[in-house]
PDB file of N, CA and C in Angstrom:
ATOM      1  N   MET A   1      -6.892 -28.281 -24.029  1.00  0.00           N
ATOM      2  CA  MET A   1      -6.049 -27.256 -23.462  1.00  0.00           C
ATOM      3  C   MET A   1      -6.664 -27.073 -21.980  1.00  0.00           C
ATOM      4  N   SER A   2      -5.452 -26.555 -21.437  1.00  0.00           N
ATOM      5  CA  SER A   2      -5.471 -26.365 -19.997  1.00  0.00           C
ATOM      6  C   SER A   2      -5.516 -24.852 -19.790  1.00  0.00           C
ATOM      7  N   GLN A   3      -6.343 -24.663 -18.732  1.00  0.00           N
ATOM      8  CA  GLN A   3      -6.249 -23.145 -18.177  1.00  0.00           C
ATOM      9  C   GLN A   3      -5.188 -22.953 -17.038  1.00  0.00           C
ATOM     10  N   THR A   4      -4.792 -21.826 -16.377  1.00  0.00           N
ATOM     11  CA  THR A   4      -3.690 -21.503 -15.499  1.00  0.00           C
ATOM     12  C   THR A   4      -4.585 -21.024 -14.897  1.00  0.00           C
ATOM     13  N   ALA A   5      -4.677 -21.159 -13.573  1.00  0.00           N
ATOM     14  CA  ALA A   5      -5.136 -20.250 -12.627  1.00  0.00           C
ATOM     15  C   ALA A   5      -4.616 -19.426 -12.357  1.00  0.00           C
ATOM     16  N   VAL A   6      -5.691 -18.200 -12.230  1.00  0.00           N
ATOM     17  CA  VAL A   6      -4.511 -16.692 -12.315  1.00  0.00           C
ATOM     18  C   VAL A   6      -4.268 -16.612 -10.644  1.00  0.00           C
ATOM     19  N   GLN A   7      -3.265 -16.483 -10.212  1.00  0.00           N
ATOM     20  CA  GLN A   7      -3.027 -16.181  -8.834  1.00  0.00           C
ATOM     21  C   GLN A   7      -3.328 -14.775  -8.294  1.00  0.00           C
ATOM     22  N   PRO A   8      -4.083 -14.859  -7.132  1.00  0.00           N
ATOM     23  CA  PRO A   8      -4.710 -13.343  -6.687  1.00  0.00           C
ATOM     24  C   PRO A   8      -3.320 -12.780  -6.265  1.00  0.00           C
ATOM     25  N   SER A   9      -3.624 -11.373  -6.316  1.00  0.00           N
ATOM     26  CA  SER A   9      -2.236 -10.880  -5.917  1.00  0.00           C
ATOM     27  C   SER A   9      -2.895  -9.693  -4.949  1.00  0.00           C
ATOM     28  N   VAL A  10      -1.993  -9.070  -3.824  1.00  0.00           N
ATOM     29  CA  VAL A  10      -2.167  -8.302  -3.124  1.00  0.00           C
ATOM     30  C   VAL A  10      -2.847  -6.548  -3.518  1.00  0.00           C
ATOM     31  N   LEU A  11      -2.210  -6.490  -4.909  1.00  0.00           N
ATOM     32  CA  LEU A  11      -2.903  -5.649  -5.348  1.00  0.00           C
ATOM     33  C   LEU A  11      -4.327  -5.676  -6.060  1.00  0.00           C
ATOM     34  N   ASP A  12      -4.901  -6.824  -5.854  1.00  0.00           N
ATOM     35  CA  ASP A  12      -6.555  -7.010  -5.741  1.00  0.00           C
ATOM     36  C   ASP A  12      -7.356  -6.163  -5.391  1.00  0.00           C
ATOM     37  N   HIS A  13      -6.647  -6.063  -3.892  1.00  0.00           N
ATOM     38  CA  HIS A  13      -7.488  -5.277  -2.747  1.00  0.00           C
ATOM     39  C   HIS A  13      -7.523  -3.582  -2.967  1.00  0.00           C
ATOM     40  N   PHE A  14      -6.921  -3.532  -3.796  1.00  0.00           N
ATOM     41  CA  PHE A  14      -6.772  -1.843  -3.663  1.00  0.00           C
ATOM     42  C   PHE A  14      -7.779  -1.335  -5.007  1.00  0.00           C
ATOM     43  N   HIS A  15      -8.091  -0.058  -4.838  1.00  0.00           N
ATOM     44  CA  HIS A  15      -9.095   0.512  -5.434  1.00  0.00           C
ATOM     45  C   HIS A  15      -8.420   0.288  -6.874  1.00  0.00           C
ATOM     46  N   PRO A  16      -9.252   0.528  -7.940  1.00  0.00           N
ATOM     47  CA  PRO A  16      -8.786   0.280  -9.140  1.00  0.00           C
ATOM     48  C   PRO A  16      -7.846   1.017  -9.699  1.00  0.00           C
ATOM     49  N   LEU A  17      -8.293   2.640  -9.561  1.00  0.00           N
ATOM     50  CA  LEU A  17      -7.165   3.618  -9.900  1.00  0.00           C
ATOM     51  C   LEU A  17      -5.739   3.458  -8.782  1.00  0.00           C
ATOM     52  N   VAL A  18      -5.786   3.467  -7.758  1.00  0.00           N
ATOM     53  CA  VAL A  18      -4.618   3.132  -7.128  1.00  0.00           C
ATOM     54  C   VAL A  18      -3.781   1.744  -7.448  1.00  0.00           C
ATOM     55  N   ARG A  19      -4.310   0.922  -7.590  1.00  0.00           N
ATOM     56  CA  ARG A  19      -4.037  -0.506  -8.505  1.00  0.00           C
ATOM     57  C   ARG A  19      -3.366  -0.234  -9.815  1.00  0.00           C
ATOM     58  N   ASP A  20      -4.071   0.367 -10.543  1.00  0.00           N
ATOM     59  CA  ASP A  20      -3.860   0.711 -12.086  1.00  0.00           C
ATOM     60  C   ASP A  20      -2.416   1.637 -12.042  1.00  0.00           C
ATOM     61  N   TRP A  21      -2.305   2.539 -10.976  1.00  0.00           N
ATOM     62  CA  TRP A  21      -1.337   3.510 -11.394  1.00  0.00           C
ATOM     63  C   TRP A  21      -0.189   2.669 -10.483  1.00  0.00           C
ATOM     64  N   PHE A  22      -0.179   2.127  -9.657  1.00  0.00           N
ATOM     65  CA  PHE A  22       0.811   1.157  -8.940  1.00  0.00           C
ATOM     66  C   PHE A  22       1.619   0.335 -10.058  1.00  0.00           C
ATOM     67  N   VAL A  23       0.798  -0.156 -11.037  1.00  0.00           N
ATOM     68  CA  VAL A  23       1.287  -1.428 -11.958  1.00  0.00           C
ATOM     69  C   VAL A  23       1.874  -0.681 -13.038  1.00  0.00           C
ATOM     70  N   GLY A  24       1.368   0.639 -13.232  1.00  0.00           N
ATOM     71  CA  GLY A  24       1.870   1.047 -14.249  1.00  0.00           C
ATOM     72  C   GLY A  24       3.399   2.129 -13.970  1.00  0.00           C
ATOM     73  N   ARG A  25       3.514   2.171 -13.019  1.00  0.00           N
ATOM     74  CA  ARG A  25       4.474   2.694 -12.348  1.00  0.00           C
ATOM     75  C   ARG A  25       5.680   2.111 -11.719  1.00  0.00           C
ATOM     76  N   PHE A  26       5.426   0.977 -11.415  1.00  0.00           N
ATOM     77  CA  PHE A  26       6.080   0.037 -10.376  1.00  0.00           C
ATOM     78  C   PHE A  26       5.768  -1.670 -11.351  1.00  0.00           C
ATOM     79  N   GLY A  27       5.039  -1.646 -11.522  1.00  0.00           N
ATOM     80  CA  GLY A  27       5.113  -3.338 -12.144  1.00  0.00           C
ATOM     81  C   GLY A  27       4.185  -3.969 -10.964  1.00  0.00           C
ATOM     82  N   ALA A  28       5.232  -4.393 -10.206  1.00  0.00           N
ATOM     83  CA  ALA A  28       4.697  -5.859  -9.419  1.00  0.00           C
ATOM     84  C   ALA A  28       5.671  -5.160  -8.053  1.00  0.00           C
ATOM     85  N   PRO A  29       4.734  -5.593  -6.831  1.00  0.00           N
ATOM     86  CA  PRO A  29       5.129  -5.351  -5.623  1.00  0.00           C
ATOM     87  C   PRO A  29       6.572  -6.270  -5.281  1.00  0.00           C
ATOM     88  N   THR A  30       7.023  -5.232  -4.064  1.00  0.00           N
ATOM     89  CA  THR A  30       8.316  -6.109  -3.457  1.00  0.00           C
ATOM     90  C   THR A  30       7.779  -6.811  -2.840  1.00  0.00           C
ATOM     91  N   PHE A  31       8.709  -7.780  -1.985  1.00  0.00           N
ATOM     92  CA  PHE A  31       8.419  -8.783  -1.197  1.00  0.00           C
ATOM     93  C   PHE A  31       7.676  -7.553  -0.199  1.00  0.00           C
ATOM     94  N   ALA A  32       8.518  -6.846   0.473  1.00  0.00           N
ATOM     95  CA  ALA A  32       7.878  -5.657   1.332  1.00  0.00           C
ATOM     96  C   ALA A  32       6.493  -5.526   1.690  1.00  0.00           C
ATOM     97  N   GLN A  33       6.265  -5.359   0.409  1.00  0.00           N
ATOM     98  CA  GLN A  33       4.956  -4.821  -0.184  1.00  0.00           C
ATOM     99  C   GLN A  33       3.769  -5.886   0.181  1.00  0.00           C
ATOM    100  N   GLU A  34       4.537  -7.409  -0.518  1.00  0.00           N
ATOM    101  CA  GLU A  34       3.756  -8.290  -0.516  1.00  0.00           C
ATOM    102  C   GLU A  34       3.169  -8.904   0.845  1.00  0.00           C
ATOM    103  N   ASP A  35       3.983  -8.367   1.726  1.00  0.00           N
ATOM    104  CA  ASP A  35       3.877  -8.830   3.341  1.00  0.00           C
ATOM    105  C   ASP A  35       3.098  -7.820   3.940  1.00  0.00           C
ATOM    106  N   GLY A  36       3.371  -6.737   3.849  1.00  0.00           N
ATOM    107  CA  GLY A  36       3.451  -5.493   4.191  1.00  0.00           C
ATOM    108  C   GLY A  36       1.546  -5.227   4.138  1.00  0.00           C
ATOM    109  N   TRP A  37       1.214  -5.012   2.798  1.00  0.00           N
ATOM    110  CA  TRP A  37      -0.170  -4.745   2.706  1.00  0.00           C
ATOM    111  C   TRP A  37      -1.337  -5.431   3.511  1.00  0.00           C
ATOM    112  N   PRO A  38      -0.931  -7.193   3.793  1.00  0.00           N
ATOM    113  CA  PRO A  38      -2.182  -7.695   4.394  1.00  0.00           C
ATOM    114  C   PRO A  38      -2.113  -7.157   5.465  1.00  0.00           C
ATOM    115  N   ALA A  39      -1.343  -7.241   6.385  1.00  0.00           N
ATOM    116  CA  ALA A  39      -0.869  -6.771   7.626  1.00  0.00           C
ATOM    117  C   ALA A  39      -1.565  -5.617   7.999  1.00  0.00           C
ATOM    118  N   ILE A  40      -1.482  -4.135   7.319  1.00  0.00           N
ATOM    119  CA  ILE A  40      -1.284  -2.996   7.188  1.00  0.00           C
ATOM    120  C   ILE A  40      -3.163  -2.935   7.304  1.00  0.00           C
ATOM    121  N   ARG A  41      -3.590  -3.747   6.155  1.00  0.00           N
ATOM    122  CA  ARG A  41      -4.820  -3.472   6.319  1.00  0.00           C
ATOM    123  C   ARG A  41      -5.932  -4.297   7.276  1.00  0.00           C
ATOM    124  N   THR A  42      -5.376  -5.025   8.148  1.00  0.00           N
ATOM    125  CA  THR A  42      -6.261  -5.290   9.602  1.00  0.00           C
ATOM    126  C   THR A  42      -6.054  -4.052  10.445  1.00  0.00           C
ATOM    127  N   GLY A  43      -5.264  -2.729  10.197  1.00  0.00           N
ATOM    128  CA  GLY A  43      -5.417  -2.049  11.316  1.00  0.00           C
ATOM    129  C   GLY A  43      -4.823  -2.324  12.621  1.00  0.00           C
ATOM    130  N   GLU A  44      -4.250  -3.433  12.527  1.00  0.00           N
ATOM    131  CA  GLU A  44      -3.148  -3.328  13.795  1.00  0.00           C
ATOM    132  C   GLU A  44      -1.674  -2.777  13.556  1.00  0.00           C
ATOM    133  N   ASP A  45      -1.187  -2.707  14.630  1.00  0.00           N
ATOM    134  CA  ASP A  45      -0.039  -2.102  14.331  1.00  0.00           C
ATOM    135  C   ASP A  45       0.920  -3.064  13.673  1.00  0.00           C
ATOM    136  N   CYS A  46       2.097  -2.548  12.905  1.00  0.00           N
ATOM    137  CA  CYS A  46       2.860  -3.177  11.926  1.00  0.00           C
ATOM    138  C   CYS A  46       4.327  -2.838  11.709  1.00  0.00           C
ATOM    139  N   LEU A  47       4.789  -3.563  11.647  1.00  0.00           N
ATOM    140  CA  LEU A  47       6.824  -3.385  11.443  1.00  0.00           C
ATOM    141  C   LEU A  47       7.294  -4.099  10.569  1.00  0.00           C
ATOM    142  N   ILE A  48       7.360  -3.287   9.598  1.00  0.00           N
ATOM    143  CA  ILE A  48       7.985  -3.629   8.184  1.00  0.00           C
ATOM    144  C   ILE A  48       9.488  -3.821   8.153  1.00  0.00           C
ATOM    145  N   ALA A  49      10.464  -4.534   8.442  1.00  0.00           N
ATOM    146  CA  ALA A  49      11.587  -4.491   8.600  1.00  0.00           C
ATOM    147  C   ALA A  49      12.241  -4.910   6.877  1.00  0.00           C
ATOM    148  N   ALA A  50      13.063  -4.102   6.041  1.00  0.00           N
ATOM    149  CA  ALA A  50      13.171  -4.567   5.070  1.00  0.00           C
ATOM    150  C   ALA A  50      14.602  -3.425   4.549  1.00  0.00           C
ATOM    151  N   PRO A  51      15.373  -4.103   3.681  1.00  0.00           N
ATOM    152  CA  PRO A  51      16.341  -3.203   3.276  1.00  0.00           C
ATOM    153  C   PRO A  51      15.943  -1.805   2.766  1.00  0.00           C
ATOM    154  N   THR A  52      16.678  -0.610   2.782  1.00  0.00           N
ATOM    155  CA  THR A  52      16.404   0.735   1.846  1.00  0.00           C
ATOM    156  C   THR A  52      16.522   0.300   0.712  1.00  0.00           C
ATOM    157  N   GLY A  53      15.352   0.773   0.079  1.00  0.00           N
ATOM    158  CA  GLY A  53      14.635   0.797  -1.202  1.00  0.00           C
ATOM    159  C   GLY A  53      13.708  -0.355  -1.642  1.00  0.00           C
ATOM    160  N   SER A  54      13.320  -1.093  -0.525  1.00  0.00           N
ATOM    161  CA  SER A  54      12.440  -2.079  -0.645  1.00  0.00           C
ATOM    162  C   SER A  54      10.763  -1.820  -0.859  1.00  0.00           C
ATOM    163  N   GLY A  55      10.781  -0.419  -0.715  1.00  0.00           N
ATOM    164  CA  GLY A  55       9.333  -0.028  -0.501  1.00  0.00           C
ATOM    165  C   GLY A  55       8.858   0.288   0.287  1.00  0.00           C
ATOM    166  N   LYS A  56       9.575   0.033   1.184  1.00  0.00           N
ATOM    167  CA  LYS A  56       8.513   0.188   2.932  1.00  0.00           C
ATOM    168  C   LYS A  56       7.699   1.675   2.943  1.00  0.00           C
ATOM    169  N   THR A  57       8.341   2.938   2.579  1.00  0.00           N
ATOM    170  CA  THR A  57       7.639   4.050   2.558  1.00  0.00           C
ATOM    171  C   THR A  57       6.633   3.590   2.008  1.00  0.00           C
ATOM    172  N   LEU A  58       6.331   3.401   0.705  1.00  0.00           N
ATOM    173  CA  LEU A  58       5.440   3.416  -0.189  1.00  0.00           C
ATOM    174  C   LEU A  58       4.297   2.206   0.164  1.00  0.00           C
ATOM    175  N   THR A  59       4.872   1.700   0.954  1.00  0.00           N
ATOM    176  CA  THR A  59       3.705   0.479   0.860  1.00  0.00           C
ATOM    177  C   THR A  59       2.854   1.016   2.381  1.00  0.00           C
ATOM    178  N   ALA A  60       3.316   1.906   3.183  1.00  0.00           N
ATOM    179  CA  ALA A  60       2.378   2.342   4.383  1.00  0.00           C
ATOM    180  C   ALA A  60       1.514   3.404   3.405  1.00  0.00           C
ATOM    181  N   PHE A  61       2.136   4.353   2.449  1.00  0.00           N
ATOM    182  CA  PHE A  61       1.449   5.364   2.177  1.00  0.00           C
ATOM    183  C   PHE A  61       0.316   4.866   0.821  1.00  0.00           C
ATOM    184  N   LEU A  62       0.707   3.716   0.406  1.00  0.00           N
ATOM    185  CA  LEU A  62      -0.477   3.544  -0.704  1.00  0.00           C
ATOM    186  C   LEU A  62      -1.309   3.123   0.009  1.00  0.00           C
ATOM    187  N   ALA A  63      -1.506   2.155   1.171  1.00  0.00           N
ATOM    188  CA  ALA A  63      -2.491   1.610   1.970  1.00  0.00           C
ATOM    189  C   ALA A  63      -3.486   2.701   2.315  1.00  0.00           C
ATOM    190  N   GLY A  64      -2.432   3.731   2.678  1.00  0.00           N
ATOM    191  CA  GLY A  64      -3.427   5.053   3.108  1.00  0.00           C
ATOM    192  C   GLY A  64      -3.846   5.812   2.154  1.00  0.00           C
ATOM    193  N   ILE A  65      -3.305   5.835   1.562  1.00  0.00           N
ATOM    194  CA  ILE A  65      -3.859   6.691  -0.027  1.00  0.00           C
ATOM    195  C   ILE A  65      -5.386   6.113  -0.443  1.00  0.00           C
ATOM    196  N   ASP A  66      -5.345   4.711  -0.503  1.00  0.00           N
ATOM    197  CA  ASP A  66      -5.714   4.002  -1.004  1.00  0.00           C
ATOM    198  C   ASP A  66      -7.639   3.965  -0.481  1.00  0.00           C
ATOM    199  N   GLU A  67      -7.052   3.845   1.263  1.00  0.00           N
ATOM    200  CA  GLU A  67      -8.231   4.023   2.074  1.00  0.00           C
ATOM    201  C   GLU A  67      -8.798   5.475   1.954  1.00  0.00           C
ATOM    202  N   LEU A  68      -8.083   6.728   1.558  1.00  0.00           N
ATOM    203  CA  LEU A  68      -8.836   7.910   1.304  1.00  0.00           C
ATOM    204  C   LEU A  68      -9.661   7.963  -0.257  1.00  0.00           C
ATOM    205  N   ILE A  69      -9.009   7.157  -0.831  1.00  0.00           N
ATOM    206  CA  ILE A  69      -9.671   7.303  -1.962  1.00  0.00           C
ATOM    207  C   ILE A  69     -11.345   6.610  -1.928  1.00  0.00           C
ATOM    208  N   ARG A  70     -11.280   5.497  -1.156  1.00  0.00           N
ATOM    209  CA  ARG A  70     -12.297   4.824  -1.133  1.00  0.00           C
ATOM    210  C   ARG A  70     -13.331   5.683  -0.107  1.00  0.00           C
ATOM    211  N   GLU A  71     -12.825   6.374   0.814  1.00  0.00           N
ATOM    212  CA  GLU A  71     -13.642   7.177   1.457  1.00  0.00           C
ATOM    213  C   GLU A  71     -14.357   7.914   0.855  1.00  0.00           C
ATOM    214  N   GLY A  72     -13.192   8.850  -0.296  1.00  0.00           N
ATOM    215  CA  GLY A  72     -13.744   9.806  -1.051  1.00  0.00           C
ATOM    216  C   GLY A  72     -14.853   9.148  -2.283  1.00  0.00           C
ATOM    217  N   ASP A  73     -14.456   8.293  -2.484  1.00  0.00           N
ATOM    218  CA  ASP A  73     -15.707   7.838  -3.478  1.00  0.00           C
ATOM    219  C   ASP A  73     -16.999   7.700  -2.820  1.00  0.00           C
ATOM    220  N   THR A  74     -17.062   7.130  -1.431  1.00  0.00           N
ATOM    221  CA  THR A  74     -18.779   7.181  -1.017  1.00  0.00           C
ATOM    222  C   THR A  74     -18.820   8.375  -0.174  1.00  0.00           C
ATOM    223  N   GLY A  75     -18.172   9.649  -0.271  1.00  0.00           N
ATOM    224  CA  GLY A  75     -18.396  10.886   0.091  1.00  0.00           C
ATOM    225  C   GLY A  75     -18.520  11.193   1.694  1.00  0.00           C
ATOM    226  N   GLU A  76     -17.583   9.861   2.391  1.00  0.00           N
ATOM    227  CA  GLU A  76     -17.375   9.856   3.590  1.00  0.00           C
ATOM    228  C   GLU A  76     -16.036  10.748   3.841  1.00  0.00           C
ATOM    229  N   LEU A  77     -15.029  11.177   3.498  1.00  0.00           N
ATOM    230  CA  LEU A  77     -13.918  11.684   3.410  1.00  0.00           C
ATOM    231  C   LEU A  77     -13.788  13.218   4.474  1.00  0.00           C
ATOM    232  N   PRO A  78     -13.559  12.972   5.613  1.00  0.00           N
ATOM    233  CA  PRO A  78     -13.921  14.479   6.427  1.00  0.00           C
ATOM    234  C   PRO A  78     -12.651  15.418   6.037  1.00  0.00           C
ATOM    235  N   GLY A  79     -12.722  16.099   6.607  1.00  0.00           N
ATOM    236  CA  GLY A  79     -11.943  17.436   6.305  1.00  0.00           C
ATOM    237  C   GLY A  79     -10.805  17.585   7.162  1.00  0.00           C
ATOM    238  N   GLU A  80      -9.991  16.205   7.461  1.00  0.00           N
ATOM    239  CA  GLU A  80      -9.326  16.442   8.718  1.00  0.00           C
ATOM    240  C   GLU A  80      -7.765  15.782   7.923  1.00  0.00           C
ATOM    241  N   VAL A  81      -6.404  15.852   8.999  1.00  0.00           N
ATOM    242  CA  VAL A  81      -5.502  15.222   8.555  1.00  0.00           C
ATOM    243  C   VAL A  81      -5.677  14.076   8.977  1.00  0.00           C
ATOM    244  N   ARG A  82      -5.635  12.602   8.289  1.00  0.00           N
ATOM    245  CA  ARG A  82      -5.419  11.685   8.377  1.00  0.00           C
ATOM    246  C   ARG A  82      -3.835  10.949   8.435  1.00  0.00           C
ATOM    247  N   ILE A  83      -3.145  10.805   7.726  1.00  0.00           N
ATOM    248  CA  ILE A  83      -1.884  10.830   7.530  1.00  0.00           C
ATOM    249  C   ILE A  83      -0.968  11.214   7.811  1.00  0.00           C
ATOM    250  N   LEU A  84      -0.407  11.213   8.863  1.00  0.00           N
ATOM    251  CA  LEU A  84       1.177  11.925   9.071  1.00  0.00           C
ATOM    252  C   LEU A  84       2.401  11.008   9.181  1.00  0.00           C
ATOM    253  N   TYR A  85       3.191  11.513   8.494  1.00  0.00           N
ATOM    254  CA  TYR A  85       4.595  10.651   8.040  1.00  0.00           C
ATOM    255  C   TYR A  85       5.509  11.756   8.763  1.00  0.00           C
ATOM    256  N   ILE A  86       6.509  10.590   9.881  1.00  0.00           N
ATOM    257  CA  ILE A  86       7.757  11.406  10.810  1.00  0.00           C
ATOM    258  C   ILE A  86       8.845  10.924   9.889  1.00  0.00           C
ATOM    259  N   SER A  87       9.337  11.290   9.422  1.00  0.00           N
ATOM    260  CA  SER A  87      10.872  10.944   9.032  1.00  0.00           C
ATOM    261  C   SER A  87      11.894  10.727  10.041  1.00  0.00           C
ATOM    262  N   PRO A  88      12.707   9.382   9.123  1.00  0.00           N
ATOM    263  CA  PRO A  88      13.605   9.085  10.343  1.00  0.00           C
ATOM    264  C   PRO A  88      14.545   9.659  10.275  1.00  0.00           C
ATOM    265  N   LEU A  89      14.816  11.157  10.101  1.00  0.00           N
ATOM    266  CA  LEU A  89      16.247  11.454   9.724  1.00  0.00           C
ATOM    267  C   LEU A  89      17.292  11.153  10.728  1.00  0.00           C
ATOM    268  N   LYS A  90      17.084  10.745  12.023  1.00  0.00           N
ATOM    269  CA  LYS A  90      18.305  10.435  12.916  1.00  0.00           C
ATOM    270  C   LYS A  90      18.960   9.227  12.317  1.00  0.00           C
ATOM    271  N   ALA A  91      17.919   8.257  11.829  1.00  0.00           N
ATOM    272  CA  ALA A  91      18.382   6.968  11.264  1.00  0.00           C
ATOM    273  C   ALA A  91      19.293   7.191  10.118  1.00  0.00           C
ATOM    274  N   LEU A  92      18.647   8.070   9.336  1.00  0.00           N
ATOM    275  CA  LEU A  92      19.958   8.408   7.963  1.00  0.00           C
ATOM    276  C   LEU A  92      20.947   9.116   8.268  1.00  0.00           C
ATOM    277  N   SER A  93      21.227   9.396   9.354  1.00  0.00           N
ATOM    278  CA  SER A  93      22.899  10.343   9.569  1.00  0.00           C
ATOM    279  C   SER A  93      23.671   9.316  10.025  1.00  0.00           C
TER     280      SER A  93
END
């Protein structure tokens, strides 16, 4: 009987609550998410260029939400704005 190696997933790096919600809602990450999350986790600036509907916005938000949940778990979540989203309305016109 051979064993199949389990491939690591970018989802393995998320808090279990975030990971389970994502898998239950979306199943698997898109290409933009697979590439984006590791880059975002480094804390460096990151540009994700992908087609509309590829999950770019969720890529950024989920990484931020995951960080907030982790900080809340440790009791270190400050009462301040931590995530700011500026909609690209001009790009949509």
